Amino acid sequence: MQIELVADGKWRCWSPSRQPDPAARVTIQSGSWFVRQKVFVLRIEKNDSGVSKIPPGMAYTFDVKSISPKTAIFIWPDGDRELKWTRVR
C-alpha cells in the first residue's frame, strides 16, 4: 500500500500489487488529512477499492508517536502496535 499526503491537506492511496501496472497509481481511497492534538486523521471522501467497506465520511485515526522529515511513527488504534511510514521522495 502506498499513501500520498499532499501539502494542501489531501491524500490518496493505491496498491501496486492490486493493479496490472504497478506504476499506474490507480487510486483506491482518497480524502483529506489533518493532525489535531497528536491525532493523525485520514478522512475518507472517496472509496473505490471494492475491498474496504469504510464509506465516505468515515476516517482512519492514529495517535502520533513521532514525526521527522523522513519518518512518521503512529500508534495503531488497538494501542499494541506501531505503524511506521517512510518518506519515499
N, C-alpha and C. Protein backbone atom coordinates (compact mmCIF):
# COMPACT_ATOMS: atom_id res chain seq x y z
N MET A 1 0.85 -1.17 0.00
CA MET A 1 0.00 0.00 0.00
C MET A 1 0.89 1.24 0.00
N GLN A 2 0.57 2.18 -0.85
CA GLN A 2 1.28 3.45 -0.92
C GLN A 2 0.28 4.57 -0.61
N ILE A 3 0.69 5.51 0.20
CA ILE A 3 -0.16 6.66 0.55
C ILE A 3 0.60 7.93 0.22
N GLU A 4 -0.09 8.84 -0.46
CA GLU A 4 0.50 10.12 -0.79
C GLU A 4 -0.24 11.21 -0.01
N LEU A 5 0.51 11.96 0.80
CA LEU A 5 -0.04 13.11 1.52
C LEU A 5 0.42 14.36 0.79
N VAL A 6 -0.51 15.26 0.49
CA VAL A 6 -0.19 16.48 -0.22
C VAL A 6 -0.31 17.65 0.76
N ALA A 7 0.51 18.67 0.56
CA ALA A 7 0.55 19.81 1.48
C ALA A 7 -0.78 20.54 1.61
N ASP A 8 -1.67 20.41 0.63
CA ASP A 8 -2.97 21.10 0.71
C ASP A 8 -3.98 20.34 1.58
N GLY A 9 -3.53 19.29 2.27
CA GLY A 9 -4.41 18.55 3.16
C GLY A 9 -5.17 17.42 2.48
N LYS A 10 -4.79 17.05 1.28
CA LYS A 10 -5.43 15.94 0.57
C LYS A 10 -4.52 14.71 0.63
N TRP A 11 -5.12 13.53 0.50
CA TRP A 11 -4.37 12.28 0.46
C TRP A 11 -5.03 11.32 -0.50
N ARG A 12 -4.26 10.33 -0.94
CA ARG A 12 -4.80 9.25 -1.75
C ARG A 12 -3.92 8.03 -1.52
N CYS A 13 -4.48 6.86 -1.75
CA CYS A 13 -3.69 5.64 -1.61
C CYS A 13 -3.98 4.71 -2.78
N TRP A 14 -3.01 3.84 -3.04
CA TRP A 14 -3.12 2.85 -4.11
C TRP A 14 -2.29 1.65 -3.69
N SER A 15 -2.55 0.54 -4.35
CA SER A 15 -1.84 -0.70 -4.05
C SER A 15 -1.20 -1.23 -5.33
N PRO A 16 0.12 -1.08 -5.47
CA PRO A 16 0.79 -1.57 -6.67
C PRO A 16 0.54 -3.06 -6.93
N SER A 17 0.37 -3.83 -5.88
CA SER A 17 0.18 -5.28 -6.06
C SER A 17 -1.22 -5.64 -6.54
N ARG A 18 -2.17 -4.72 -6.51
CA ARG A 18 -3.55 -5.00 -6.92
C ARG A 18 -3.91 -4.43 -8.28
N GLN A 19 -2.92 -4.04 -9.06
CA GLN A 19 -3.22 -3.49 -10.38
C GLN A 19 -2.26 -4.07 -11.41
N PRO A 20 -2.68 -4.17 -12.65
CA PRO A 20 -1.84 -4.77 -13.70
C PRO A 20 -0.50 -4.04 -13.89
N ASP A 21 -0.53 -2.72 -13.83
CA ASP A 21 0.70 -1.93 -13.97
C ASP A 21 1.02 -1.30 -12.63
N PRO A 22 2.00 -1.80 -11.89
CA PRO A 22 2.32 -1.28 -10.57
C PRO A 22 2.68 0.20 -10.54
N ALA A 23 3.09 0.76 -11.66
CA ALA A 23 3.45 2.18 -11.72
C ALA A 23 2.24 3.08 -11.99
N ALA A 24 1.06 2.52 -12.21
CA ALA A 24 -0.10 3.30 -12.64
C ALA A 24 -0.71 4.17 -11.54
N ARG A 25 -0.57 3.81 -10.29
CA ARG A 25 -1.13 4.57 -9.16
C ARG A 25 -2.65 4.76 -9.27
N VAL A 26 -3.37 3.68 -9.49
CA VAL A 26 -4.83 3.73 -9.55
C VAL A 26 -5.34 3.91 -8.12
N THR A 27 -6.00 5.03 -7.87
CA THR A 27 -6.44 5.39 -6.53
C THR A 27 -7.50 4.44 -6.00
N ILE A 28 -7.28 3.98 -4.77
CA ILE A 28 -8.24 3.12 -4.07
C ILE A 28 -9.12 3.96 -3.16
N GLN A 29 -8.49 4.83 -2.38
CA GLN A 29 -9.20 5.74 -1.48
C GLN A 29 -8.53 7.10 -1.55
N SER A 30 -9.31 8.14 -1.24
CA SER A 30 -8.76 9.49 -1.18
C SER A 30 -9.61 10.32 -0.24
N GLY A 31 -9.05 11.46 0.13
CA GLY A 31 -9.77 12.34 1.03
C GLY A 31 -8.90 13.46 1.56
N SER A 32 -9.16 13.87 2.78
CA SER A 32 -8.39 14.94 3.40
C SER A 32 -7.71 14.41 4.66
N TRP A 33 -6.61 15.07 5.04
CA TRP A 33 -5.88 14.66 6.23
C TRP A 33 -5.59 15.88 7.09
N PHE A 34 -5.42 15.64 8.39
CA PHE A 34 -5.03 16.69 9.31
C PHE A 34 -4.54 16.06 10.61
N VAL A 35 -3.88 16.88 11.42
CA VAL A 35 -3.41 16.45 12.74
C VAL A 35 -3.99 17.41 13.76
N ARG A 36 -4.59 16.86 14.81
CA ARG A 36 -5.13 17.67 15.92
C ARG A 36 -4.79 16.98 17.22
N GLN A 37 -4.15 17.70 18.11
CA GLN A 37 -3.82 17.21 19.44
C GLN A 37 -3.16 15.83 19.40
N LYS A 38 -2.13 15.72 18.56
CA LYS A 38 -1.34 14.49 18.40
C LYS A 38 -2.14 13.31 17.86
N VAL A 39 -3.24 13.59 17.14
CA VAL A 39 -4.01 12.55 16.47
C VAL A 39 -3.97 12.85 14.97
N PHE A 40 -3.50 11.87 14.20
CA PHE A 40 -3.42 11.97 12.74
C PHE A 40 -4.70 11.38 12.17
N VAL A 41 -5.40 12.14 11.34
CA VAL A 41 -6.70 11.73 10.79
C VAL A 41 -6.63 11.68 9.27
N LEU A 42 -7.06 10.55 8.71
CA LEU A 42 -7.25 10.41 7.26
C LEU A 42 -8.74 10.27 7.04
N ARG A 43 -9.38 11.35 6.63
CA ARG A 43 -10.83 11.34 6.38
C ARG A 43 -11.08 10.84 4.97
N ILE A 44 -11.95 9.85 4.84
CA ILE A 44 -12.25 9.25 3.55
C ILE A 44 -13.34 10.06 2.86
N GLU A 45 -13.04 10.50 1.64
CA GLU A 45 -14.03 11.21 0.84
C GLU A 45 -14.44 10.41 -0.39
N LYS A 46 -13.57 9.47 -0.79
CA LYS A 46 -13.88 8.62 -1.94
C LYS A 46 -13.27 7.25 -1.70
N ASN A 47 -14.05 6.19 -1.94
CA ASN A 47 -13.58 4.82 -1.75
C ASN A 47 -13.92 4.02 -2.99
N ASP A 48 -12.89 3.66 -3.74
CA ASP A 48 -13.09 2.89 -4.97
C ASP A 48 -12.52 1.48 -4.85
N SER A 49 -12.21 1.04 -3.64
CA SER A 49 -11.47 -0.22 -3.50
C SER A 49 -12.29 -1.46 -3.77
N GLY A 50 -13.57 -1.45 -3.43
CA GLY A 50 -14.36 -2.66 -3.56
C GLY A 50 -14.03 -3.66 -2.48
N VAL A 51 -12.93 -3.44 -1.76
CA VAL A 51 -12.49 -4.33 -0.69
C VAL A 51 -12.87 -3.73 0.67
N SER A 52 -12.50 -2.48 0.88
CA SER A 52 -12.78 -1.82 2.14
C SER A 52 -14.24 -1.39 2.18
N LYS A 53 -14.90 -1.67 3.26
CA LYS A 53 -16.31 -1.30 3.41
C LYS A 53 -16.46 0.02 4.17
N ILE A 54 -15.37 0.75 4.34
CA ILE A 54 -15.43 2.02 5.05
C ILE A 54 -15.97 3.08 4.10
N PRO A 55 -17.13 3.64 4.39
CA PRO A 55 -17.75 4.59 3.46
C PRO A 55 -17.18 6.00 3.58
N PRO A 56 -17.38 6.82 2.55
CA PRO A 56 -17.00 8.23 2.64
C PRO A 56 -17.64 8.87 3.87
N GLY A 57 -16.88 9.77 4.49
CA GLY A 57 -17.33 10.44 5.71
C GLY A 57 -16.73 9.83 6.97
N MET A 58 -16.25 8.59 6.87
CA MET A 58 -15.57 7.94 7.99
C MET A 58 -14.08 8.30 7.92
N ALA A 59 -13.32 7.90 8.95
CA ALA A 59 -11.90 8.26 8.98
C ALA A 59 -11.07 7.20 9.67
N TYR A 60 -9.81 7.14 9.26
CA TYR A 60 -8.80 6.38 9.98
C TYR A 60 -8.15 7.35 10.96
N THR A 61 -7.91 6.95 12.18
CA THR A 61 -7.23 7.81 13.14
C THR A 61 -6.08 7.05 13.80
N PHE A 62 -4.99 7.76 14.03
CA PHE A 62 -3.81 7.18 14.65
C PHE A 62 -3.23 8.19 15.65
N ASP A 63 -2.81 7.73 16.81
CA ASP A 63 -2.07 8.59 17.73
C ASP A 63 -0.66 8.77 17.18
N VAL A 64 -0.14 9.99 17.26
CA VAL A 64 1.19 10.29 16.76
C VAL A 64 2.21 9.98 17.85
N LYS A 65 3.20 9.14 17.51
CA LYS A 65 4.29 8.87 18.44
C LYS A 65 5.46 9.82 18.14
N SER A 66 5.84 9.90 16.87
CA SER A 66 6.91 10.82 16.47
C SER A 66 6.83 11.08 14.97
N ILE A 67 7.33 12.26 14.59
CA ILE A 67 7.38 12.63 13.17
C ILE A 67 8.70 13.35 12.93
N SER A 68 9.39 12.92 11.86
CA SER A 68 10.61 13.59 11.42
C SER A 68 10.44 13.86 9.93
N PRO A 69 11.39 14.55 9.30
CA PRO A 69 11.25 14.80 7.87
C PRO A 69 11.20 13.52 7.01
N LYS A 70 11.73 12.41 7.51
CA LYS A 70 11.76 11.18 6.71
C LYS A 70 10.85 10.07 7.21
N THR A 71 10.44 10.12 8.47
CA THR A 71 9.68 9.02 9.05
C THR A 71 8.60 9.53 9.99
N ALA A 72 7.47 8.85 9.97
CA ALA A 72 6.40 9.12 10.94
C ALA A 72 6.05 7.80 11.61
N ILE A 73 5.90 7.83 12.91
CA ILE A 73 5.52 6.63 13.65
C ILE A 73 4.21 6.92 14.37
N PHE A 74 3.22 6.06 14.09
CA PHE A 74 1.89 6.20 14.67
C PHE A 74 1.60 4.98 15.53
N ILE A 75 0.72 5.15 16.47
CA ILE A 75 0.25 4.03 17.29
C ILE A 75 -1.04 3.52 16.67
N TRP A 76 -1.07 2.23 16.35
CA TRP A 76 -2.26 1.60 15.78
C TRP A 76 -3.41 1.77 16.77
N PRO A 77 -4.65 1.92 16.31
CA PRO A 77 -5.78 2.17 17.21
C PRO A 77 -5.93 1.17 18.36
N ASP A 78 -5.46 -0.08 18.20
CA ASP A 78 -5.58 -1.03 19.31
C ASP A 78 -4.57 -0.74 20.42
N GLY A 79 -3.63 0.18 20.16
CA GLY A 79 -2.66 0.59 21.18
C GLY A 79 -1.49 -0.36 21.35
N ASP A 80 -1.51 -1.50 20.68
CA ASP A 80 -0.47 -2.51 20.87
C ASP A 80 0.60 -2.50 19.78
N ARG A 81 0.34 -1.84 18.66
CA ARG A 81 1.28 -1.89 17.54
C ARG A 81 1.63 -0.49 17.06
N GLU A 82 2.82 -0.40 16.47
CA GLU A 82 3.23 0.85 15.84
C GLU A 82 3.15 0.71 14.34
N LEU A 83 2.85 1.80 13.69
CA LEU A 83 2.78 1.87 12.23
C LEU A 83 3.84 2.88 11.81
N LYS A 84 4.82 2.44 11.01
CA LYS A 84 5.91 3.31 10.58
C LYS A 84 5.76 3.64 9.11
N TRP A 85 5.70 4.93 8.82
CA TRP A 85 5.64 5.40 7.44
C TRP A 85 6.97 6.04 7.10
N THR A 86 7.48 5.75 5.91
CA THR A 86 8.75 6.29 5.47
C THR A 86 8.54 7.12 4.22
N ARG A 87 9.18 8.27 4.21
CA ARG A 87 9.09 9.14 3.04
C ARG A 87 9.80 8.50 1.86
N VAL A 88 9.15 8.50 0.70
CA VAL A 88 9.70 7.86 -0.49
C VAL A 88 10.42 8.88 -1.36
N ARG A 89 9.89 10.06 -1.50
CA ARG A 89 10.52 11.07 -2.35
C ARG A 89 11.06 12.20 -1.52
